[in-house]
Amino acid sequence: METIPHIRELPELTTDTIHIWGVHVPDVLDQLDRLHSLLSTPEQEKAGRFHRDSDRQSSIAARGSLRILLSGYTGIPAAEIKFGYSKNGKPYLLDSAVNFNVSHSGDWVLLAFGWDRQIGVDIEKIKRSMDVSAIALRYFSPEEIETVKTAADSHTAFFQLWAHKEAYVKACGSTLFQELSRDVTNGVGWILRPLEVDPKYAAAVVTDQELSSVWCYDFGGLKWAS
């Protein structure tokens, strides 16, 4: 991931690019109070309902960094960002063509930004104790089952496919779990890109528009507070 030194120096979000921002939650724990102060009252209340510290910290890091980066892309003060919600509960930014999506798992938060496009991002911690073959048999296509079965690392293969599927569902704005059984590939109206974040994680982004490049940035190295 590249580092951008200051929020005022964000690269332009062009119509043919996607920007991915990675937030390694342990690296921003010293900023949590400031991030928390940017959240709306409902966002603060939601974070406060988590029983585990790690879940509460991830929620604050995700929503706070989202507000900061949307402010950088739009010029709207972070605390004044207003969201609308689709009928399926997917948030979107009011009065702007900047689209976004957020995912978090374990120690990581991923945020994806695009201009006037559907976009979905997903990150999954690779769980070595999980019986991935049994789950693949239930939810994956025959071709995907074979991919998992023959992979040198079946767990990484499984979670990479799962991340693609989750990102696709989120890009569609769907809440239908059965969408995960679709064999999602490039060339059927959707563009998929795997993302390299951490060897212990699998991640992917999916979009519906022409894409020339995906740029990845490290939120932990960004100076955003005065």
C-alpha atoms as a PDB file:
ATOM      1  CA  MET A   1       0.000   0.000   0.000  1.00  0.00           C
ATOM      2  CA  GLU A   2       1.167   3.509  -0.799  1.00  0.00           C
ATOM      3  CA  THR A   3       1.276   6.254   1.804  1.00  0.00           C
ATOM      4  CA  ILE A   4      -0.265   9.681   1.255  1.00  0.00           C
ATOM      5  CA  PRO A   5       1.233  12.189   3.709  1.00  0.00           C
ATOM      6  CA  HIS A   6      -1.784  14.466   4.208  1.00  0.00           C
ATOM      7  CA  ILE A   7      -5.525  14.487   3.581  1.00  0.00           C
ATOM      8  CA  ARG A   8      -5.079  17.621   1.445  1.00  0.00           C
ATOM      9  CA  GLU A   9      -2.927  15.585  -0.966  1.00  0.00           C
ATOM     10  CA  LEU A  10      -5.411  12.856  -1.876  1.00  0.00           C
ATOM     11  CA  PRO A  11      -4.986  11.734  -5.499  1.00  0.00           C
ATOM     12  CA  GLU A  12      -7.821  12.524  -7.889  1.00  0.00           C
ATOM     13  CA  LEU A  13     -10.588   9.930  -7.994  1.00  0.00           C
ATOM     14  CA  THR A  14     -11.041   9.571 -11.750  1.00  0.00           C
ATOM     15  CA  THR A  15     -13.884   7.831 -13.549  1.00  0.00           C
ATOM     16  CA  ASP A  16     -11.761   4.793 -14.493  1.00  0.00           C
ATOM     17  CA  THR A  17     -10.041   4.140 -11.155  1.00  0.00           C
ATOM     18  CA  ILE A  18     -10.874   2.754  -7.735  1.00  0.00           C
ATOM     19  CA  HIS A  19      -9.082   3.763  -4.558  1.00  0.00           C
ATOM     20  CA  ILE A  20      -8.701   1.178  -1.791  1.00  0.00           C
ATOM     21  CA  TRP A  21      -7.727   2.314   1.691  1.00  0.00           C
ATOM     22  CA  GLY A  22      -6.507  -0.140   4.272  1.00  0.00           C
ATOM     23  CA  VAL A  23      -6.881   0.598   7.977  1.00  0.00           C
ATOM     24  CA  HIS A  24      -4.865  -1.692  10.240  1.00  0.00           C
ATOM     25  CA  VAL A  25      -6.866  -1.150  13.410  1.00  0.00           C
ATOM     26  CA  PRO A  26      -3.996  -1.762  15.893  1.00  0.00           C
ATOM     27  CA  ASP A  27      -2.084   1.059  14.196  1.00  0.00           C
ATOM     28  CA  VAL A  28      -4.823   3.645  14.798  1.00  0.00           C
ATOM     29  CA  LEU A  29      -5.781   2.828  18.392  1.00  0.00           C
ATOM     30  CA  ASP A  30      -4.126   6.041  19.557  1.00  0.00           C
ATOM     31  CA  GLN A  31      -6.476   7.956  17.233  1.00  0.00           C
ATOM     32  CA  LEU A  32      -9.731   6.275  18.295  1.00  0.00           C
ATOM     33  CA  ASP A  33     -10.940   9.131  20.495  1.00  0.00           C
ATOM     34  CA  ARG A  34     -10.534  11.622  17.655  1.00  0.00           C
ATOM     35  CA  LEU A  35     -12.182   9.237  15.183  1.00  0.00           C
ATOM     36  CA  HIS A  36     -15.039   8.650  17.622  1.00  0.00           C
ATOM     37  CA  SER A  37     -15.636  12.406  17.900  1.00  0.00           C
ATOM     38  CA  LEU A  38     -16.387  12.590  14.145  1.00  0.00           C
ATOM     39  CA  LEU A  39     -19.178  10.023  14.276  1.00  0.00           C
ATOM     40  CA  SER A  40     -22.861  10.821  14.316  1.00  0.00           C
ATOM     41  CA  THR A  41     -24.816  10.010  17.455  1.00  0.00           C
ATOM     42  CA  PRO A  42     -26.302   6.820  15.916  1.00  0.00           C
ATOM     43  CA  GLU A  43     -22.807   5.712  14.848  1.00  0.00           C
ATOM     44  CA  GLN A  44     -21.450   6.316  18.335  1.00  0.00           C
ATOM     45  CA  GLU A  45     -24.371   4.424  19.859  1.00  0.00           C
ATOM     46  CA  LYS A  46     -23.850   1.495  17.483  1.00  0.00           C
ATOM     47  CA  ALA A  47     -20.163   1.286  18.383  1.00  0.00           C
ATOM     48  CA  GLY A  48     -21.046   1.428  22.059  1.00  0.00           C
ATOM     49  CA  ARG A  49     -23.311  -1.612  21.773  1.00  0.00           C
ATOM     50  CA  PHE A  50     -20.439  -3.946  20.929  1.00  0.00           C
ATOM     51  CA  HIS A  51     -19.400  -6.059  23.905  1.00  0.00           C
ATOM     52  CA  ARG A  52     -15.891  -6.881  22.669  1.00  0.00           C
ATOM     53  CA  ASP A  53     -13.324  -4.104  22.596  1.00  0.00           C
ATOM     54  CA  SER A  54     -11.988  -5.320  19.241  1.00  0.00           C
ATOM     55  CA  ASP A  55     -15.433  -5.040  17.605  1.00  0.00           C
ATOM     56  CA  ARG A  56     -16.019  -1.581  19.068  1.00  0.00           C
ATOM     57  CA  GLN A  57     -12.582  -0.434  17.902  1.00  0.00           C
ATOM     58  CA  SER A  58     -13.158  -1.764  14.376  1.00  0.00           C
ATOM     59  CA  SER A  59     -16.524  -0.012  14.169  1.00  0.00           C
ATOM     60  CA  ILE A  60     -15.052   3.337  15.222  1.00  0.00           C
ATOM     61  CA  ALA A  61     -12.053   2.936  12.915  1.00  0.00           C
ATOM     62  CA  ALA A  62     -14.267   2.004   9.961  1.00  0.00           C
ATOM     63  CA  ARG A  63     -16.812   4.802  10.281  1.00  0.00           C
ATOM     64  CA  GLY A  64     -14.305   7.430  11.342  1.00  0.00           C
ATOM     65  CA  SER A  65     -11.867   6.739   8.515  1.00  0.00           C
ATOM     66  CA  LEU A  66     -14.776   6.616   6.063  1.00  0.00           C
ATOM     67  CA  ARG A  67     -15.862  10.098   7.088  1.00  0.00           C
ATOM     68  CA  ILE A  68     -12.321  11.462   6.881  1.00  0.00           C
ATOM     69  CA  LEU A  69     -11.697  10.073   3.410  1.00  0.00           C
ATOM     70  CA  LEU A  70     -15.099  11.130   2.074  1.00  0.00           C
ATOM     71  CA  SER A  71     -14.309  14.602   3.388  1.00  0.00           C
ATOM     72  CA  GLY A  72     -11.024  14.515   1.487  1.00  0.00           C
ATOM     73  CA  TYR A  73     -12.727  13.505  -1.749  1.00  0.00           C
ATOM     74  CA  THR A  74     -15.713  15.863  -1.489  1.00  0.00           C
ATOM     75  CA  GLY A  75     -14.580  18.825   0.631  1.00  0.00           C
ATOM     76  CA  ILE A  76     -17.462  18.290   3.081  1.00  0.00           C
ATOM     77  CA  PRO A  77     -16.311  18.425   6.737  1.00  0.00           C
ATOM     78  CA  ALA A  78     -16.033  14.885   8.094  1.00  0.00           C
ATOM     79  CA  ALA A  79     -18.522  15.364  10.924  1.00  0.00           C
ATOM     80  CA  GLU A  80     -21.075  16.846   8.488  1.00  0.00           C
ATOM     81  CA  ILE A  81     -21.113  13.953   6.014  1.00  0.00           C
ATOM     82  CA  LYS A  82     -24.727  12.822   5.464  1.00  0.00           C
ATOM     83  CA  PHE A  83     -25.667   9.319   4.379  1.00  0.00           C
ATOM     84  CA  GLY A  84     -28.724   7.930   2.673  1.00  0.00           C
ATOM     85  CA  TYR A  85     -29.665   4.254   2.663  1.00  0.00           C
ATOM     86  CA  SER A  86     -31.022   2.005  -0.069  1.00  0.00           C
ATOM     87  CA  LYS A  87     -34.045  -0.218   0.551  1.00  0.00           C
ATOM     88  CA  ASN A  88     -31.571  -3.007   1.387  1.00  0.00           C
ATOM     89  CA  GLY A  89     -29.732  -0.821   3.883  1.00  0.00           C
ATOM     90  CA  LYS A  90     -26.661  -0.038   1.770  1.00  0.00           C
ATOM     91  CA  PRO A  91     -25.358   3.449   2.672  1.00  0.00           C
ATOM     92  CA  TYR A  92     -24.562   6.060   0.056  1.00  0.00           C
ATOM     93  CA  LEU A  93     -23.372   9.633   0.129  1.00  0.00           C
ATOM     94  CA  LEU A  94     -26.038  12.275  -0.364  1.00  0.00           C
ATOM     95  CA  ASP A  95     -25.478  14.921  -3.046  1.00  0.00           C
ATOM     96  CA  SER A  96     -22.309  13.381  -4.486  1.00  0.00           C
ATOM     97  CA  ALA A  97     -21.300  10.918  -7.208  1.00  0.00           C
ATOM     98  CA  VAL A  98     -18.562   9.448  -4.985  1.00  0.00           C
ATOM     99  CA  ASN A  99     -19.547   5.870  -4.201  1.00  0.00           C
ATOM    100  CA  PHE A 100     -17.986   3.758  -1.481  1.00  0.00           C
ATOM    101  CA  ASN A 101     -18.071   0.446   0.317  1.00  0.00           C
ATOM    102  CA  VAL A 102     -16.576  -0.770   3.587  1.00  0.00           C
ATOM    103  CA  SER A 103     -15.555  -4.174   4.947  1.00  0.00           C
ATOM    104  CA  HIS A 104     -13.759  -5.272   8.084  1.00  0.00           C
ATOM    105  CA  SER A 105     -12.442  -8.543   9.434  1.00  0.00           C
ATOM    106  CA  GLY A 106     -10.012  -9.209  12.248  1.00  0.00           C
ATOM    107  CA  ASP A 107      -7.477  -6.396  12.482  1.00  0.00           C
ATOM    108  CA  TRP A 108      -8.286  -4.851   9.104  1.00  0.00           C
ATOM    109  CA  VAL A 109     -10.781  -2.401   7.640  1.00  0.00           C
ATOM    110  CA  LEU A 110     -10.951  -1.903   3.868  1.00  0.00           C
ATOM    111  CA  LEU A 111     -12.634   1.070   2.227  1.00  0.00           C
ATOM    112  CA  ALA A 112     -13.240   1.311  -1.513  1.00  0.00           C
ATOM    113  CA  PHE A 113     -14.066   4.543  -3.369  1.00  0.00           C
ATOM    114  CA  GLY A 114     -15.170   5.065  -6.964  1.00  0.00           C
ATOM    115  CA  TRP A 115     -16.789   7.764  -9.062  1.00  0.00           C
ATOM    116  CA  ASP A 116     -20.371   7.127 -10.206  1.00  0.00           C
ATOM    117  CA  ARG A 117     -20.080   3.332 -10.161  1.00  0.00           C
ATOM    118  CA  GLN A 118     -21.413   0.390  -8.212  1.00  0.00           C
ATOM    119  CA  ILE A 119     -18.693  -0.940  -5.960  1.00  0.00           C
ATOM    120  CA  GLY A 120     -18.287  -3.675  -3.377  1.00  0.00           C
ATOM    121  CA  VAL A 121     -15.257  -4.635  -1.294  1.00  0.00           C
ATOM    122  CA  ASP A 122     -14.700  -7.528   1.073  1.00  0.00           C
ATOM    123  CA  ILE A 123     -11.925  -8.760   3.335  1.00  0.00           C
ATOM    124  CA  GLU A 124     -11.927 -12.119   5.105  1.00  0.00           C
ATOM    125  CA  LYS A 125      -9.542 -13.441   7.713  1.00  0.00           C
ATOM    126  CA  ILE A 126      -8.404 -16.905   6.606  1.00  0.00           C
ATOM    127  CA  LYS A 127      -9.654 -19.308   9.276  1.00  0.00           C
ATOM    128  CA  ARG A 128      -7.513 -22.433   9.167  1.00  0.00           C
ATOM    129  CA  SER A 129      -9.794 -24.375  11.492  1.00  0.00           C
ATOM    130  CA  MET A 130     -12.783 -24.104   9.163  1.00  0.00           C
ATOM    131  CA  ASP A 131     -13.930 -27.096   7.075  1.00  0.00           C
ATOM    132  CA  VAL A 132     -13.829 -25.196   3.794  1.00  0.00           C
ATOM    133  CA  SER A 133     -14.551 -28.247   1.638  1.00  0.00           C
ATOM    134  CA  ALA A 134     -17.911 -28.835   3.324  1.00  0.00           C
ATOM    135  CA  ILE A 135     -18.926 -25.194   2.978  1.00  0.00           C
ATOM    136  CA  ALA A 136     -17.805 -25.105  -0.657  1.00  0.00           C
ATOM    137  CA  LEU A 137     -19.966 -28.152  -1.411  1.00  0.00           C
ATOM    138  CA  ARG A 138     -22.997 -26.316  -0.035  1.00  0.00           C
ATOM    139  CA  TYR A 139     -22.539 -22.883  -1.592  1.00  0.00           C
ATOM    140  CA  PHE A 140     -20.061 -23.051  -4.487  1.00  0.00           C
ATOM    141  CA  SER A 141     -20.445 -24.010  -8.132  1.00  0.00           C
ATOM    142  CA  PRO A 142     -18.856 -27.269  -9.378  1.00  0.00           C
ATOM    143  CA  GLU A 143     -16.006 -25.315 -10.950  1.00  0.00           C
ATOM    144  CA  GLU A 144     -15.336 -23.419  -7.733  1.00  0.00           C
ATOM    145  CA  ILE A 145     -15.475 -26.620  -5.684  1.00  0.00           C
ATOM    146  CA  GLU A 146     -12.835 -28.080  -7.958  1.00  0.00           C
ATOM    147  CA  THR A 147     -10.713 -24.944  -7.545  1.00  0.00           C
ATOM    148  CA  VAL A 148     -10.772 -25.320  -3.769  1.00  0.00           C
ATOM    149  CA  LYS A 149     -10.165 -29.075  -3.925  1.00  0.00           C
ATOM    150  CA  THR A 150      -7.126 -28.865  -6.209  1.00  0.00           C
ATOM    151  CA  ALA A 151      -5.511 -25.703  -4.776  1.00  0.00           C
ATOM    152  CA  ALA A 152      -2.154 -25.972  -3.068  1.00  0.00           C
ATOM    153  CA  ASP A 153      -3.710 -24.016  -0.192  1.00  0.00           C
ATOM    154  CA  SER A 154      -7.411 -24.859  -0.082  1.00  0.00           C
ATOM    155  CA  HIS A 155      -8.170 -22.382   2.713  1.00  0.00           C
ATOM    156  CA  THR A 156      -6.671 -19.411   0.868  1.00  0.00           C
ATOM    157  CA  ALA A 157      -8.459 -20.466  -2.333  1.00  0.00           C
ATOM    158  CA  PHE A 158     -11.776 -20.799  -0.509  1.00  0.00           C
ATOM    159  CA  PHE A 159     -11.580 -17.443   1.244  1.00  0.00           C
ATOM    160  CA  GLN A 160     -10.472 -15.666  -1.917  1.00  0.00           C
ATOM    161  CA  LEU A 161     -13.537 -17.001  -3.719  1.00  0.00           C
ATOM    162  CA  TRP A 162     -15.709 -16.100  -0.757  1.00  0.00           C
ATOM    163  CA  ALA A 163     -14.338 -12.542  -0.731  1.00  0.00           C
ATOM    164  CA  HIS A 164     -15.147 -12.219  -4.448  1.00  0.00           C
ATOM    165  CA  LYS A 165     -18.702 -13.383  -3.827  1.00  0.00           C
ATOM    166  CA  GLU A 166     -19.258 -11.103  -0.843  1.00  0.00           C
ATOM    167  CA  ALA A 167     -17.865  -8.123  -2.770  1.00  0.00           C
ATOM    168  CA  TYR A 168     -20.178  -8.954  -5.676  1.00  0.00           C
ATOM    169  CA  VAL A 169     -23.252  -9.136  -3.427  1.00  0.00           C
ATOM    170  CA  LYS A 170     -22.307  -5.811  -1.848  1.00  0.00           C
ATOM    171  CA  ALA A 171     -21.741  -4.184  -5.250  1.00  0.00           C
ATOM    172  CA  CYS A 172     -25.210  -5.342  -6.313  1.00  0.00           C
ATOM    173  CA  GLY A 173     -26.673  -3.959  -3.105  1.00  0.00           C
ATOM    174  CA  SER A 174     -28.316  -7.316  -2.491  1.00  0.00           C
ATOM    175  CA  THR A 175     -29.069  -8.974   0.827  1.00  0.00           C
ATOM    176  CA  LEU A 176     -29.756 -12.376  -0.724  1.00  0.00           C
ATOM    177  CA  PHE A 177     -27.450 -15.019   0.723  1.00  0.00           C
ATOM    178  CA  GLN A 178     -28.181 -17.313  -2.221  1.00  0.00           C
ATOM    179  CA  GLU A 179     -26.279 -14.854  -4.424  1.00  0.00           C
ATOM    180  CA  LEU A 180     -23.138 -16.394  -2.917  1.00  0.00           C
ATOM    181  CA  SER A 181     -23.822 -19.577  -4.892  1.00  0.00           C
ATOM    182  CA  ARG A 182     -23.319 -17.729  -8.178  1.00  0.00           C
ATOM    183  CA  ASP A 183     -20.144 -18.435 -10.092  1.00  0.00           C
ATOM    184  CA  VAL A 184     -18.959 -14.826 -10.281  1.00  0.00           C
ATOM    185  CA  THR A 185     -16.441 -14.214 -13.057  1.00  0.00           C
ATOM    186  CA  ASN A 186     -15.217 -11.328 -15.171  1.00  0.00           C
ATOM    187  CA  GLY A 187     -17.015 -10.678 -18.419  1.00  0.00           C
ATOM    188  CA  VAL A 188     -20.618 -10.925 -17.186  1.00  0.00           C
ATOM    189  CA  GLY A 189     -21.192  -7.254 -16.442  1.00  0.00           C
ATOM    190  CA  TRP A 190     -18.913  -7.156 -13.418  1.00  0.00           C
ATOM    191  CA  ILE A 191     -15.177  -6.584 -13.015  1.00  0.00           C
ATOM    192  CA  LEU A 192     -13.404  -8.433 -10.212  1.00  0.00           C
ATOM    193  CA  ARG A 193     -10.000  -7.691  -8.753  1.00  0.00           C
ATOM    194  CA  PRO A 194      -8.257  -9.608  -5.965  1.00  0.00           C
ATOM    195  CA  LEU A 195      -6.509  -7.427  -3.397  1.00  0.00           C
ATOM    196  CA  GLU A 196      -3.291  -8.183  -1.518  1.00  0.00           C
ATOM    197  CA  VAL A 197      -3.597  -6.844   2.005  1.00  0.00           C
ATOM    198  CA  ASP A 198      -2.070  -9.335   4.440  1.00  0.00           C
ATOM    199  CA  PRO A 199      -0.959 -12.987   4.001  1.00  0.00           C
ATOM    200  CA  LYS A 200      -3.498 -14.014   6.658  1.00  0.00           C
ATOM    201  CA  TYR A 201      -6.400 -12.397   4.784  1.00  0.00           C
ATOM    202  CA  ALA A 202      -8.186 -12.642   1.444  1.00  0.00           C
ATOM    203  CA  ALA A 203      -9.757  -9.580  -0.170  1.00  0.00           C
ATOM    204  CA  ALA A 204     -11.419  -8.463  -3.387  1.00  0.00           C
ATOM    205  CA  VAL A 205     -13.203  -5.544  -5.012  1.00  0.00           C
ATOM    206  CA  VAL A 206     -16.015  -5.751  -7.575  1.00  0.00           C
ATOM    207  CA  THR A 207     -17.415  -2.996  -9.787  1.00  0.00           C
ATOM    208  CA  ASP A 208     -19.712  -2.567 -12.772  1.00  0.00           C
ATOM    209  CA  GLN A 209     -17.795   0.029 -14.808  1.00  0.00           C
ATOM    210  CA  GLU A 210     -14.659   0.055 -16.949  1.00  0.00           C
ATOM    211  CA  LEU A 211     -11.596  -0.017 -14.737  1.00  0.00           C
ATOM    212  CA  SER A 212      -8.053   0.908 -15.708  1.00  0.00           C
ATOM    213  CA  SER A 213      -6.422   0.720 -12.275  1.00  0.00           C
ATOM    214  CA  VAL A 214      -6.927   0.034  -8.580  1.00  0.00           C
ATOM    215  CA  TRP A 215      -4.777   2.121  -6.237  1.00  0.00           C
ATOM    216  CA  CYS A 216      -4.167   0.972  -2.669  1.00  0.00           C
ATOM    217  CA  TYR A 217      -3.300   3.336   0.175  1.00  0.00           C
ATOM    218  CA  ASP A 218      -2.444   3.050   3.858  1.00  0.00           C
ATOM    219  CA  PHE A 219      -4.711   5.073   6.118  1.00  0.00           C
ATOM    220  CA  GLY A 220      -2.326   4.633   9.045  1.00  0.00           C
ATOM    221  CA  GLY A 221       0.241   6.856   7.354  1.00  0.00           C
ATOM    222  CA  LEU A 222      -2.220   9.626   6.539  1.00  0.00           C
ATOM    223  CA  LYS A 223      -2.160  12.865   8.494  1.00  0.00           C
ATOM    224  CA  TRP A 224      -5.731  14.115   8.677  1.00  0.00           C
ATOM    225  CA  ALA A 225      -6.114  16.036  11.950  1.00  0.00           C
ATOM    226  CA  SER A 226      -4.912  19.606  12.337  1.00  0.00           C
END
